[in-house]
C-alpha atoms as a PDB file:
ATOM      1  CA  MET A   1     140.022  78.386 -38.343  1.00  0.00           C
ATOM      2  CA  THR A   2     140.917  74.715 -38.655  1.00  0.00           C
ATOM      3  CA  THR A   3     143.704  73.150 -36.581  1.00  0.00           C
ATOM      4  CA  PHE A   4     145.833  72.730 -39.723  1.00  0.00           C
ATOM      5  CA  ALA A   5     145.390  76.368 -40.753  1.00  0.00           C
ATOM      6  CA  ALA A   6     146.195  77.503 -37.221  1.00  0.00           C
ATOM      7  CA  ALA A   7     149.330  75.334 -37.158  1.00  0.00           C
ATOM      8  CA  LYS A   8     150.468  76.860 -40.478  1.00  0.00           C
ATOM      9  CA  LEU A   9     149.940  80.349 -39.048  1.00  0.00           C
ATOM     10  CA  VAL A  10     151.984  79.526 -35.945  1.00  0.00           C
ATOM     11  CA  ALA A  11     154.722  77.904 -38.030  1.00  0.00           C
ATOM     12  CA  ALA A  12     154.982  80.942 -40.306  1.00  0.00           C
ATOM     13  CA  ARG A  13     155.297  83.235 -37.279  1.00  0.00           C
ATOM     14  CA  GLU A  14     157.973  81.049 -35.671  1.00  0.00           C
ATOM     15  CA  MET A  15     159.984  80.953 -38.890  1.00  0.00           C
ATOM     16  CA  ARG A  16     159.852  84.717 -39.335  1.00  0.00           C
ATOM     17  CA  VAL A  17     161.050  85.251 -35.776  1.00  0.00           C
ATOM     18  CA  LYS A  18     163.803  82.655 -36.140  1.00  0.00           C
ATOM     19  CA  LEU A  19     165.103  83.972 -39.453  1.00  0.00           C
ATOM     20  CA  ARG A  20     165.643  87.342 -37.774  1.00  0.00           C
ATOM     21  CA  ASP A  21     167.380  85.778 -34.801  1.00  0.00           C
ATOM     22  CA  LYS A  22     171.091  86.689 -34.731  1.00  0.00           C
ATOM     23  CA  THR A  23     172.017  83.439 -32.984  1.00  0.00           C
ATOM     24  CA  PHE A  24     170.451  81.352 -35.762  1.00  0.00           C
ATOM     25  CA  ILE A  25     172.109  83.434 -38.483  1.00  0.00           C
ATOM     26  CA  PHE A  26     175.493  83.303 -36.733  1.00  0.00           C
ATOM     27  CA  SER A  27     175.345  79.523 -36.204  1.00  0.00           C
ATOM     28  CA  THR A  28     174.411  78.936 -39.851  1.00  0.00           C
ATOM     29  CA  VAL A  29     177.252  81.123 -41.129  1.00  0.00           C
ATOM     30  CA  PHE A  30     179.657  79.508 -38.657  1.00  0.00           C
ATOM     31  CA  PHE A  31     178.876  75.968 -39.854  1.00  0.00           C
ATOM     32  CA  LEU A  32     179.052  77.049 -43.500  1.00  0.00           C
ATOM     33  CA  LEU A  33     182.499  78.544 -42.904  1.00  0.00           C
ATOM     34  CA  ILE A  34     183.639  75.281 -41.308  1.00  0.00           C
ATOM     35  CA  ALA A  35     182.328  73.332 -44.326  1.00  0.00           C
ATOM     36  CA  VAL A  36     184.184  75.639 -46.724  1.00  0.00           C
ATOM     37  CA  ALA A  37     187.363  75.665 -44.641  1.00  0.00           C
ATOM     38  CA  SER A  38     187.528  71.883 -44.383  1.00  0.00           C
ATOM     39  CA  THR A  39     187.008  71.249 -48.101  1.00  0.00           C
ATOM     40  CA  VAL A  40     188.223  74.243 -50.116  1.00  0.00           C
ATOM     41  CA  LEU A  41     191.024  75.815 -48.081  1.00  0.00           C
ATOM     42  CA  PRO A  42     193.381  72.793 -48.139  1.00  0.00           C
ATOM     43  CA  ALA A  43     193.486  72.973 -51.934  1.00  0.00           C
ATOM     44  CA  LEU A  44     193.817  76.773 -52.012  1.00  0.00           C
ATOM     45  CA  LEU A  45     196.555  76.829 -49.411  1.00  0.00           C
ATOM     46  CA  GLY A  46     198.486  74.135 -51.225  1.00  0.00           C
ATOM     47  CA  GLY A  47     199.847  76.797 -53.587  1.00  0.00           C
ATOM     48  CA  GLY A  48     199.728  74.622 -56.700  1.00  0.00           C
ATOM     49  CA  PRO A  49     202.489  72.482 -58.188  1.00  0.00           C
ATOM     50  CA  THR A  50     206.155  73.439 -57.842  1.00  0.00           C
ATOM     51  CA  SER A  51     207.542  75.383 -60.828  1.00  0.00           C
ATOM     52  CA  VAL A  52     210.813  74.033 -62.234  1.00  0.00           C
ATOM     53  CA  ALA A  53     213.176  75.432 -64.903  1.00  0.00           C
ATOM     54  CA  VAL A  54     215.073  72.867 -66.960  1.00  0.00           C
ATOM     55  CA  ALA A  55     217.068  72.786 -70.186  1.00  0.00           C
ATOM     56  CA  ASP A  56     217.250  69.002 -70.692  1.00  0.00           C
ATOM     57  CA  ARG A  57     214.196  67.675 -72.580  1.00  0.00           C
ATOM     58  CA  ALA A  58     214.328  64.208 -70.996  1.00  0.00           C
ATOM     59  CA  ALA A  59     214.321  65.718 -67.515  1.00  0.00           C
ATOM     60  CA  ALA A  60     211.497  68.062 -68.537  1.00  0.00           C
ATOM     61  CA  THR A  61     209.359  65.102 -69.581  1.00  0.00           C
ATOM     62  CA  THR A  62     209.991  63.311 -66.288  1.00  0.00           C
ATOM     63  CA  LEU A  63     209.079  66.406 -64.285  1.00  0.00           C
ATOM     64  CA  GLN A  64     205.880  66.973 -66.279  1.00  0.00           C
ATOM     65  CA  GLN A  65     204.790  63.385 -65.705  1.00  0.00           C
ATOM     66  CA  ALA A  66     205.247  63.998 -61.969  1.00  0.00           C
ATOM     67  CA  GLY A  67     202.703  66.835 -62.160  1.00  0.00           C
ATOM     68  CA  LEU A  68     205.167  69.694 -61.747  1.00  0.00           C
ATOM     69  CA  GLU A  69     204.979  72.976 -63.616  1.00  0.00           C
ATOM     70  CA  VAL A  70     207.913  72.865 -66.077  1.00  0.00           C
ATOM     71  CA  ARG A  71     209.467  75.923 -67.712  1.00  0.00           C
ATOM     72  CA  THR A  72     211.989  75.270 -70.477  1.00  0.00           C
ATOM     73  CA  ALA A  73     215.252  77.227 -70.336  1.00  0.00           C
ATOM     74  CA  SER A  74     217.844  77.675 -73.076  1.00  0.00           C
ATOM     75  CA  ASP A  75     220.681  76.353 -70.904  1.00  0.00           C
ATOM     76  CA  ASP A  76     221.631  75.649 -67.289  1.00  0.00           C
ATOM     77  CA  ALA A  77     222.740  79.230 -66.660  1.00  0.00           C
ATOM     78  CA  ALA A  78     219.370  80.547 -67.803  1.00  0.00           C
ATOM     79  CA  ALA A  79     217.589  78.029 -65.574  1.00  0.00           C
ATOM     80  CA  GLU A  80     219.636  79.131 -62.558  1.00  0.00           C
ATOM     81  CA  LYS A  81     218.877  82.797 -63.325  1.00  0.00           C
ATOM     82  CA  LEU A  82     215.139  82.040 -63.271  1.00  0.00           C
ATOM     83  CA  VAL A  83     215.526  80.630 -59.763  1.00  0.00           C
ATOM     84  CA  ARG A  84     217.538  83.640 -58.556  1.00  0.00           C
ATOM     85  CA  ASP A  85     214.975  86.030 -60.040  1.00  0.00           C
ATOM     86  CA  GLY A  86     212.166  84.231 -58.195  1.00  0.00           C
ATOM     87  CA  GLU A  87     210.322  83.269 -61.378  1.00  0.00           C
ATOM     88  CA  VAL A  88     210.473  79.523 -60.594  1.00  0.00           C
ATOM     89  CA  ASP A  89     210.813  77.532 -57.381  1.00  0.00           C
ATOM     90  CA  ALA A  90     213.682  75.317 -58.545  1.00  0.00           C
ATOM     91  CA  ALA A  91     215.869  74.350 -61.494  1.00  0.00           C
ATOM     92  CA  VAL A  92     217.366  71.073 -62.696  1.00  0.00           C
ATOM     93  CA  VAL A  93     220.817  71.383 -64.262  1.00  0.00           C
ATOM     94  CA  ALA A  94     223.466  68.950 -65.491  1.00  0.00           C
ATOM     95  CA  GLY A  95     224.524  66.281 -63.052  1.00  0.00           C
ATOM     96  CA  PRO A  96     221.647  66.107 -62.518  1.00  0.00           C
ATOM     97  CA  LYS A  97     221.559  68.677 -59.735  1.00  0.00           C
ATOM     98  CA  VAL A  98     218.608  70.545 -58.261  1.00  0.00           C
ATOM     99  CA  LEU A  99     218.964  74.257 -57.546  1.00  0.00           C
ATOM    100  CA  ALA A 100     216.746  76.184 -55.111  1.00  0.00           C
ATOM    101  CA  MET A 101     217.114  79.363 -53.073  1.00  0.00           C
ATOM    102  CA  ASP A 102     216.532  78.509 -49.393  1.00  0.00           C
ATOM    103  CA  GLU A 103     214.391  75.372 -49.155  1.00  0.00           C
ATOM    104  CA  GLU A 104     214.891  71.912 -50.601  1.00  0.00           C
ATOM    105  CA  PRO A 105     212.137  71.146 -53.177  1.00  0.00           C
ATOM    106  CA  SER A 106     211.374  67.610 -52.027  1.00  0.00           C
ATOM    107  CA  ASP A 107     208.764  66.961 -54.748  1.00  0.00           C
ATOM    108  CA  VAL A 108     211.336  67.780 -57.440  1.00  0.00           C
ATOM    109  CA  VAL A 109     213.883  65.468 -55.826  1.00  0.00           C
ATOM    110  CA  ARG A 110     211.309  62.672 -55.594  1.00  0.00           C
ATOM    111  CA  SER A 111     210.354  63.034 -59.250  1.00  0.00           C
ATOM    112  CA  LEU A 112     213.980  62.556 -60.316  1.00  0.00           C
ATOM    113  CA  SER A 113     214.612  59.608 -57.985  1.00  0.00           C
ATOM    114  CA  THR A 114     214.092  55.975 -58.923  1.00  0.00           C
ATOM    115  CA  ALA A 115     211.627  54.473 -56.490  1.00  0.00           C
ATOM    116  CA  PRO A 116     210.978  50.736 -56.025  1.00  0.00           C
ATOM    117  CA  PRO A 117     207.597  49.354 -57.121  1.00  0.00           C
ATOM    118  CA  VAL A 118     204.838  49.664 -54.507  1.00  0.00           C
ATOM    119  CA  GLN A 119     201.929  47.263 -54.026  1.00  0.00           C
ATOM    120  CA  LEU A 120     198.939  48.588 -52.068  1.00  0.00           C
ATOM    121  CA  LEU A 121     197.383  45.824 -49.998  1.00  0.00           C
ATOM    122  CA  ASP A 122     194.325  47.937 -49.155  1.00  0.00           C
ATOM    123  CA  PRO A 123     193.940  50.527 -51.934  1.00  0.00           C
ATOM    124  CA  ASP A 124     190.447  51.547 -50.786  1.00  0.00           C
ATOM    125  CA  ALA A 125     191.508  52.341 -47.216  1.00  0.00           C
ATOM    126  CA  VAL A 126     190.370  55.770 -46.007  1.00  0.00           C
ATOM    127  CA  ASP A 127     192.916  58.290 -44.812  1.00  0.00           C
ATOM    128  CA  PRO A 128     193.172  58.062 -40.976  1.00  0.00           C
ATOM    129  CA  PHE A 129     192.340  61.754 -40.577  1.00  0.00           C
ATOM    130  CA  LEU A 130     189.183  61.436 -42.697  1.00  0.00           C
ATOM    131  CA  ALA A 131     188.268  58.217 -40.896  1.00  0.00           C
ATOM    132  CA  PHE A 132     188.107  60.301 -37.708  1.00  0.00           C
ATOM    133  CA  ALA A 133     186.955  63.678 -39.045  1.00  0.00           C
ATOM    134  CA  VAL A 134     183.910  62.572 -41.074  1.00  0.00           C
ATOM    135  CA  PRO A 135     182.264  60.446 -38.327  1.00  0.00           C
ATOM    136  CA  PHE A 136     182.979  63.172 -35.769  1.00  0.00           C
ATOM    137  CA  ALA A 137     181.469  65.842 -38.049  1.00  0.00           C
ATOM    138  CA  LEU A 138     178.268  63.820 -38.589  1.00  0.00           C
ATOM    139  CA  ALA A 139     177.898  63.051 -34.886  1.00  0.00           C
ATOM    140  CA  PHE A 140     178.655  66.633 -33.859  1.00  0.00           C
ATOM    141  CA  LEU A 141     176.197  68.120 -36.379  1.00  0.00           C
ATOM    142  CA  PHE A 142     173.308  66.002 -35.088  1.00  0.00           C
ATOM    143  CA  PHE A 143     174.240  66.584 -31.457  1.00  0.00           C
ATOM    144  CA  ILE A 144     174.752  70.337 -31.584  1.00  0.00           C
ATOM    145  CA  THR A 145     171.769  71.016 -33.872  1.00  0.00           C
ATOM    146  CA  SER A 146     169.280  68.866 -31.974  1.00  0.00           C
ATOM    147  CA  PHE A 147     170.548  70.252 -28.662  1.00  0.00           C
ATOM    148  CA  THR A 148     170.585  73.952 -29.561  1.00  0.00           C
ATOM    149  CA  PHE A 149     167.329  73.945 -31.544  1.00  0.00           C
ATOM    150  CA  GLY A 150     165.681  71.786 -28.883  1.00  0.00           C
ATOM    151  CA  MET A 151     166.764  74.138 -26.110  1.00  0.00           C
ATOM    152  CA  GLN A 152     165.426  77.062 -28.123  1.00  0.00           C
ATOM    153  CA  ILE A 153     162.048  75.318 -28.430  1.00  0.00           C
ATOM    154  CA  ALA A 154     161.957  74.834 -24.652  1.00  0.00           C
ATOM    155  CA  GLN A 155     162.980  78.452 -23.994  1.00  0.00           C
ATOM    156  CA  SER A 156     160.360  79.762 -26.408  1.00  0.00           C
ATOM    157  CA  VAL A 157     157.580  77.763 -24.733  1.00  0.00           C
ATOM    158  CA  THR A 158     158.710  78.821 -21.248  1.00  0.00           C
ATOM    159  CA  GLU A 159     158.929  82.478 -22.287  1.00  0.00           C
ATOM    160  CA  GLU A 160     155.368  82.415 -23.640  1.00  0.00           C
ATOM    161  CA  LYS A 161     154.237  80.756 -20.430  1.00  0.00           C
ATOM    162  CA  GLN A 162     156.184  83.083 -18.109  1.00  0.00           C
ATOM    163  CA  THR A 163     154.880  86.244 -19.821  1.00  0.00           C
ATOM    164  CA  ARG A 164     151.333  84.791 -19.877  1.00  0.00           C
ATOM    165  CA  ILE A 165     151.212  85.296 -23.655  1.00  0.00           C
ATOM    166  CA  VAL A 166     150.260  81.638 -23.949  1.00  0.00           C
ATOM    167  CA  GLU A 167     146.882  82.382 -22.358  1.00  0.00           C
ATOM    168  CA  ILE A 168     146.138  84.800 -25.184  1.00  0.00           C
ATOM    169  CA  LEU A 169     147.408  82.369 -27.815  1.00  0.00           C
ATOM    170  CA  VAL A 170     145.344  79.370 -26.687  1.00  0.00           C
ATOM    171  CA  SER A 171     142.218  81.528 -26.594  1.00  0.00           C
ATOM    172  CA  SER A 172     142.393  81.794 -30.385  1.00  0.00           C
ATOM    173  CA  VAL A 173     144.608  78.857 -31.403  1.00  0.00           C
ATOM    174  CA  PRO A 174     144.150  75.217 -30.302  1.00  0.00           C
ATOM    175  CA  VAL A 175     146.930  73.901 -28.063  1.00  0.00           C
ATOM    176  CA  ARG A 176     147.744  71.151 -30.555  1.00  0.00           C
ATOM    177  CA  ALA A 177     148.025  73.684 -33.374  1.00  0.00           C
ATOM    178  CA  LEU A 178     150.346  75.827 -31.264  1.00  0.00           C
ATOM    179  CA  LEU A 179     152.578  72.832 -30.562  1.00  0.00           C
ATOM    180  CA  ALA A 180     152.466  71.489 -34.138  1.00  0.00           C
ATOM    181  CA  GLY A 181     153.322  74.879 -35.651  1.00  0.00           C
ATOM    182  CA  LYS A 182     156.226  75.475 -33.307  1.00  0.00           C
ATOM    183  CA  VAL A 183     157.721  72.001 -33.818  1.00  0.00           C
ATOM    184  CA  ALA A 184     157.164  72.049 -37.599  1.00  0.00           C
ATOM    185  CA  ALA A 185     158.857  75.442 -38.002  1.00  0.00           C
ATOM    186  CA  LEU A 186     161.937  74.553 -35.959  1.00  0.00           C
ATOM    187  CA  THR A 187     162.236  71.132 -37.636  1.00  0.00           C
ATOM    188  CA  LEU A 188     162.087  72.699 -41.096  1.00  0.00           C
ATOM    189  CA  LEU A 189     164.678  75.329 -40.213  1.00  0.00           C
ATOM    190  CA  ALA A 190     167.017  72.791 -38.618  1.00  0.00           C
ATOM    191  CA  PHE A 191     166.726  70.474 -41.631  1.00  0.00           C
ATOM    192  CA  ALA A 192     167.272  73.386 -44.047  1.00  0.00           C
ATOM    193  CA  GLN A 193     170.390  74.413 -42.139  1.00  0.00           C
ATOM    194  CA  ILE A 194     171.835  70.886 -42.265  1.00  0.00           C
ATOM    195  CA  ALA A 195     170.917  70.464 -45.958  1.00  0.00           C
ATOM    196  CA  LEU A 196     172.609  73.782 -46.812  1.00  0.00           C
ATOM    197  CA  ILE A 197     175.751  72.783 -44.924  1.00  0.00           C
ATOM    198  CA  THR A 198     175.951  69.426 -46.734  1.00  0.00           C
ATOM    199  CA  LEU A 199     175.408  71.117 -50.118  1.00  0.00           C
ATOM    200  CA  VAL A 200     178.213  73.581 -49.449  1.00  0.00           C
ATOM    201  CA  ALA A 201     180.446  70.714 -48.291  1.00  0.00           C
ATOM    202  CA  PHE A 202     179.809  68.794 -51.533  1.00  0.00           C
ATOM    203  CA  VAL A 203     180.535  71.842 -53.682  1.00  0.00           C
ATOM    204  CA  GLY A 204     183.664  72.434 -51.619  1.00  0.00           C
ATOM    205  CA  MET A 205     184.835  68.865 -52.222  1.00  0.00           C
ATOM    206  CA  GLN A 206     184.485  69.406 -55.964  1.00  0.00           C
ATOM    207  CA  ILE A 207     186.393  72.702 -55.829  1.00  0.00           C
ATOM    208  CA  GLY A 208     188.988  71.209 -53.511  1.00  0.00           C
ATOM    209  CA  ASP A 209     189.440  68.237 -55.856  1.00  0.00           C
ATOM    210  CA  VAL A 210     188.826  65.687 -53.106  1.00  0.00           C
ATOM    211  CA  ASP A 211     189.599  62.094 -54.096  1.00  0.00           C
ATOM    212  CA  ALA A 212     186.653  60.482 -55.930  1.00  0.00           C
ATOM    213  CA  HIS A 213     186.827  57.404 -53.699  1.00  0.00           C
ATOM    214  CA  VAL A 214     186.389  59.562 -50.591  1.00  0.00           C
ATOM    215  CA  VAL A 215     183.483  61.448 -52.182  1.00  0.00           C
ATOM    216  CA  GLY A 216     181.903  58.089 -53.015  1.00  0.00           C
ATOM    217  CA  LEU A 217     182.034  57.150 -49.327  1.00  0.00           C
ATOM    218  CA  ILE A 218     180.850  60.495 -47.967  1.00  0.00           C
ATOM    219  CA  GLY A 219     177.945  60.830 -50.428  1.00  0.00           C
ATOM    220  CA  PRO A 220     175.805  57.871 -49.255  1.00  0.00           C
ATOM    221  CA  ALA A 221     176.610  58.615 -45.603  1.00  0.00           C
ATOM    222  CA  ILE A 222     175.342  62.207 -45.889  1.00  0.00           C
ATOM    223  CA  GLY A 223     172.443  61.145 -48.122  1.00  0.00           C
ATOM    224  CA  TRP A 224     171.172  58.806 -45.394  1.00  0.00           C
ATOM    225  CA  PHE A 225     172.085  61.256 -42.635  1.00  0.00           C
ATOM    226  CA  LEU A 226     169.429  63.735 -43.826  1.00  0.00           C
ATOM    227  CA  PRO A 227     166.335  61.489 -43.337  1.00  0.00           C
ATOM    228  CA  TYR A 228     167.821  60.140 -40.100  1.00  0.00           C
ATOM    229  CA  PHE A 229     168.330  63.701 -38.899  1.00  0.00           C
ATOM    230  CA  ALA A 230     164.766  64.726 -39.799  1.00  0.00           C
ATOM    231  CA  LEU A 231     163.174  61.784 -37.954  1.00  0.00           C
ATOM    232  CA  GLY A 232     165.577  62.071 -35.026  1.00  0.00           C
ATOM    233  CA  PHE A 233     164.904  65.782 -34.624  1.00  0.00           C
ATOM    234  CA  ILE A 234     161.130  65.321 -34.813  1.00  0.00           C
ATOM    235  CA  MET A 235     161.439  62.552 -32.208  1.00  0.00           C
ATOM    236  CA  LEU A 236     163.087  64.962 -29.763  1.00  0.00           C
ATOM    237  CA  ALA A 237     161.451  68.283 -30.685  1.00  0.00           C
ATOM    238  CA  THR A 238     158.072  67.630 -29.041  1.00  0.00           C
ATOM    239  CA  LEU A 239     159.808  66.391 -25.895  1.00  0.00           C
ATOM    240  CA  TRP A 240     161.728  69.684 -25.758  1.00  0.00           C
ATOM    241  CA  ALA A 241     158.421  71.549 -26.071  1.00  0.00           C
ATOM    242  CA  GLY A 242     157.028  69.443 -23.231  1.00  0.00           C
ATOM    243  CA  VAL A 243     160.083  70.257 -21.101  1.00  0.00           C
ATOM    244  CA  GLY A 244     159.539  73.968 -21.770  1.00  0.00           C
ATOM    245  CA  ALA A 245     155.907  73.659 -20.702  1.00  0.00           C
ATOM    246  CA  LEU A 246     156.916  71.960 -17.428  1.00  0.00           C
ATOM    247  CA  ALA A 247     159.079  74.952 -16.459  1.00  0.00           C
ATOM    248  CA  ALA A 248     157.483  78.126 -15.143  1.00  0.00           C
ATOM    249  CA  ARG A 249     160.631  80.290 -15.502  1.00  0.00           C
ATOM    250  CA  GLN A 250     163.717  80.257 -17.704  1.00  0.00           C
ATOM    251  CA  GLU A 251     165.734  79.271 -14.640  1.00  0.00           C
ATOM    252  CA  ASP A 252     163.742  76.031 -14.351  1.00  0.00           C
ATOM    253  CA  ILE A 253     164.611  74.758 -17.832  1.00  0.00           C
ATOM    254  CA  ALA A 254     168.044  73.361 -16.924  1.00  0.00           C
ATOM    255  CA  GLY A 255     166.642  71.107 -14.204  1.00  0.00           C
ATOM    256  CA  ALA A 256     163.507  70.104 -16.122  1.00  0.00           C
ATOM    257  CA  SER A 257     165.468  69.262 -19.264  1.00  0.00           C
ATOM    258  CA  MET A 258     168.294  67.295 -17.619  1.00  0.00           C
ATOM    259  CA  PRO A 259     166.895  63.818 -18.541  1.00  0.00           C
ATOM    260  CA  LEU A 260     166.418  64.959 -22.134  1.00  0.00           C
ATOM    261  CA  GLN A 261     169.889  66.497 -22.247  1.00  0.00           C
ATOM    262  CA  MET A 262     171.335  63.168 -21.150  1.00  0.00           C
ATOM    263  CA  ALA A 263     169.264  61.387 -23.825  1.00  0.00           C
ATOM    264  CA  VAL A 264     170.954  63.597 -26.429  1.00  0.00           C
ATOM    265  CA  MET A 265     174.484  63.569 -24.996  1.00  0.00           C
ATOM    266  CA  LEU A 266     174.922  59.902 -24.078  1.00  0.00           C
ATOM    267  CA  PRO A 267     174.340  58.518 -27.636  1.00  0.00           C
ATOM    268  CA  PHE A 268     176.736  61.150 -29.007  1.00  0.00           C
ATOM    269  CA  PHE A 269     179.593  60.121 -26.712  1.00  0.00           C
ATOM    270  CA  ALA A 270     178.731  56.411 -26.977  1.00  0.00           C
ATOM    271  CA  VAL A 271     179.083  56.497 -30.765  1.00  0.00           C
ATOM    272  CA  LEU A 272     182.334  58.488 -30.617  1.00  0.00           C
ATOM    273  CA  PHE A 273     183.956  56.171 -28.081  1.00  0.00           C
ATOM    274  CA  LEU A 274     182.699  52.951 -29.702  1.00  0.00           C
ATOM    275  CA  THR A 275     183.351  53.811 -33.355  1.00  0.00           C
ATOM    276  CA  ASP A 276     185.988  51.056 -33.621  1.00  0.00           C
ATOM    277  CA  ASN A 277     183.722  48.461 -31.954  1.00  0.00           C
ATOM    278  CA  ALA A 278     181.802  46.894 -34.840  1.00  0.00           C
ATOM    279  CA  ALA A 279     179.388  44.918 -32.636  1.00  0.00           C
ATOM    280  CA  ALA A 280     178.501  47.923 -30.473  1.00  0.00           C
ATOM    281  CA  MET A 281     178.041  50.172 -33.511  1.00  0.00           C
ATOM    282  CA  ARG A 282     175.718  47.611 -35.096  1.00  0.00           C
ATOM    283  CA  ILE A 283     173.518  47.691 -31.994  1.00  0.00           C
ATOM    284  CA  LEU A 284     173.628  51.487 -31.722  1.00  0.00           C
ATOM    285  CA  SER A 285     172.571  51.842 -35.359  1.00  0.00           C
ATOM    286  CA  TYR A 286     169.197  50.240 -34.476  1.00  0.00           C
ATOM    287  CA  VAL A 287     168.588  52.113 -31.192  1.00  0.00           C
ATOM    288  CA  PRO A 288     166.396  55.177 -32.014  1.00  0.00           C
ATOM    289  CA  LEU A 289     168.323  57.689 -29.907  1.00  0.00           C
ATOM    290  CA  SER A 290     171.698  56.745 -31.434  1.00  0.00           C
ATOM    291  CA  SER A 291     170.808  55.474 -34.937  1.00  0.00           C
ATOM    292  CA  PRO A 292     170.807  58.984 -36.538  1.00  0.00           C
ATOM    293  CA  ILE A 293     174.518  59.116 -35.689  1.00  0.00           C
ATOM    294  CA  ALA A 294     175.638  55.474 -35.754  1.00  0.00           C
ATOM    295  CA  MET A 295     174.117  54.332 -39.066  1.00  0.00           C
ATOM    296  CA  PRO A 296     175.587  57.123 -41.293  1.00  0.00           C
ATOM    297  CA  ILE A 297     178.988  56.491 -39.688  1.00  0.00           C
ATOM    298  CA  ARG A 298     178.746  52.749 -40.428  1.00  0.00           C
ATOM    299  CA  LEU A 299     177.815  53.583 -44.018  1.00  0.00           C
ATOM    300  CA  PHE A 300     180.868  55.811 -44.353  1.00  0.00           C
ATOM    301  CA  ASN A 301     183.103  53.097 -42.920  1.00  0.00           C
ATOM    302  CA  GLY A 302     181.595  50.518 -45.299  1.00  0.00           C
ATOM    303  CA  GLU A 303     180.348  48.375 -42.404  1.00  0.00           C
ATOM    304  CA  ALA A 304     176.604  48.429 -43.178  1.00  0.00           C
ATOM    305  CA  ALA A 305     174.786  46.358 -45.807  1.00  0.00           C
ATOM    306  CA  SER A 306     172.556  48.212 -48.279  1.00  0.00           C
ATOM    307  CA  TRP A 307     169.343  47.021 -46.565  1.00  0.00           C
ATOM    308  CA  GLU A 308     170.337  48.048 -43.044  1.00  0.00           C
ATOM    309  CA  PRO A 309     169.531  51.795 -43.260  1.00  0.00           C
ATOM    310  CA  VAL A 310     166.002  51.023 -44.454  1.00  0.00           C
ATOM    311  CA  VAL A 311     165.391  48.555 -41.623  1.00  0.00           C
ATOM    312  CA  SER A 312     166.969  50.895 -39.064  1.00  0.00           C
ATOM    313  CA  LEU A 313     164.582  53.703 -40.024  1.00  0.00           C
ATOM    314  CA  VAL A 314     161.579  51.634 -38.891  1.00  0.00           C
ATOM    315  CA  PRO A 315     162.261  51.697 -35.108  1.00  0.00           C
ATOM    316  CA  LEU A 316     163.319  55.335 -35.423  1.00  0.00           C
ATOM    317  CA  ALA A 317     160.002  56.254 -37.082  1.00  0.00           C
ATOM    318  CA  LEU A 318     158.028  54.295 -34.479  1.00  0.00           C
ATOM    319  CA  ALA A 319     159.961  56.005 -31.675  1.00  0.00           C
ATOM    320  CA  ALA A 320     159.269  59.393 -33.279  1.00  0.00           C
ATOM    321  CA  VAL A 321     155.509  58.684 -33.241  1.00  0.00           C
ATOM    322  CA  LEU A 322     155.667  57.489 -29.617  1.00  0.00           C
ATOM    323  CA  PHE A 323     157.739  60.429 -28.403  1.00  0.00           C
ATOM    324  CA  LEU A 324     155.474  62.851 -30.283  1.00  0.00           C
ATOM    325  CA  SER A 325     152.528  61.461 -28.321  1.00  0.00           C
ATOM    326  CA  VAL A 326     154.359  61.651 -24.979  1.00  0.00           C
ATOM    327  CA  GLY A 327     155.684  65.181 -25.595  1.00  0.00           C
ATOM    328  CA  ALA A 328     152.299  66.430 -26.771  1.00  0.00           C
ATOM    329  CA  ARG A 329     150.553  65.028 -23.699  1.00  0.00           C
ATOM    330  CA  ILE A 330     153.068  66.659 -21.339  1.00  0.00           C
ATOM    331  CA  TYR A 331     152.782  69.933 -23.272  1.00  0.00           C
ATOM    332  CA  GLU A 332     148.993  69.973 -23.087  1.00  0.00           C
ATOM    333  CA  GLY A 333     148.940  69.005 -19.438  1.00  0.00           C
ATOM    334  CA  SER A 334     151.334  71.702 -18.225  1.00  0.00           C
ATOM    335  CA  LEU A 335     151.127  74.631 -20.671  1.00  0.00           C
ATOM    336  CA  LEU A 336     148.465  76.591 -18.768  1.00  0.00           C
ATOM    337  CA  ARG A 337     149.852  75.833 -15.294  1.00  0.00           C
ATOM    338  CA  THR A 338     151.597  79.163 -14.743  1.00  0.00           C
ATOM    339  CA  ASN A 339     151.681  79.198 -10.936  1.00  0.00           C
ATOM    340  CA  GLY A 340     154.929  77.217 -10.654  1.00  0.00           C
ATOM    341  CA  LYS A 341     156.990  74.354 -12.029  1.00  0.00           C
ATOM    342  CA  THR A 342     154.781  71.424 -13.054  1.00  0.00           C
ATOM    343  CA  ALA A 343     155.682  67.890 -12.040  1.00  0.00           C
ATOM    344  CA  PHE A 344     155.882  65.301 -14.809  1.00  0.00           C
ATOM    345  CA  ARG A 345     153.246  63.110 -13.134  1.00  0.00           C
ATOM    346  CA  THR A 346     150.834  66.026 -12.806  1.00  0.00           C
ATOM    347  CA  ALA A 347     151.280  67.018 -16.451  1.00  0.00           C
ATOM    348  CA  TRP A 348     150.824  63.412 -17.590  1.00  0.00           C
ATOM    349  CA  ARG A 349     147.585  63.025 -15.694  1.00  0.00           C
ATOM    350  CA  SER A 350     146.244  66.362 -16.874  1.00  0.00           C
ATOM    351  CA  GLY A 351     147.155  65.955 -20.526  1.00  0.00           C
ATOM    352  CA  SER A 352     144.895  64.169 -22.957  1.00  0.00           C
ATOM    353  CA  THR A 353     146.265  61.380 -25.131  1.00  0.00           C
ATOM    354  CA  VAL A 354     147.228  62.696 -28.536  1.00  0.00           C
ATOM    355  CA  GLY A 355     146.464  60.239 -31.317  1.00  0.00           C
END
């Protein structure tokens, strides 16, 4: 069996195991529910336009132009009866006067009021809530996915090592194939999960009738987020496998993975705290560990030129190749050392350079 065929066999096994894992299924459903709730529910809970009964045709026209649901009544008494019967939310009668049961219909009052002309100095400005929520969602998705999937890679490697199953595996499958299959399977599943979440979010924005300008900002940001996520995850996945190989027991993973945990957490918090600092965000969008988060956020905020994402992918791709080599060497140098926790220096000296 060739190394490629062996890697495919390992990847298929890892994917089958993962797709039956309750934690993976629960996390996927959980994120999908968040995507639906944040895009569809606001429109559904809005309850639609206010229904208004009115007898005067001029008032009816004004109310219709304001986007309200207008029901024509024969006279003011009939309009008031519709309100009392609960068939409409409000009625407009002679005066003009607005009738309602127990709550003032502010949208009806606004539609009948004469407002001064308004000039928007920044018509393309993003709503403050979205300006916070979208960057946070992108940063959180990369952080939580890379962290949880990475930790699962480490735990899987340590479990195989602790139960001595790895000795059976490497007797029939090359070490590189075992590593490549495991990393490829988890990367594919993580990417598929993120892609599914973004697809559901886009469909939800269409159902929820999200403003076209906002969709135009979110689209490119998410479009670039996917390749950044794939490269960023691959960059870290082999290091997580190496961390798992360094540990001899599940209890050792926390200590062995602490430097890698910090490498995942620090960029996440740096981007969140420095989102309003244009200079810092520009630098972070070219640093491999933070660029998968910083660059999509800059694209959403309209702060990045069209050429910047392409240029920023270059150092990220180079870092992915470098970290793949480092992680693979640590993995090879410590995988079969089952008599205790392996020191990084020992694993590095024992491992062969992976080209």
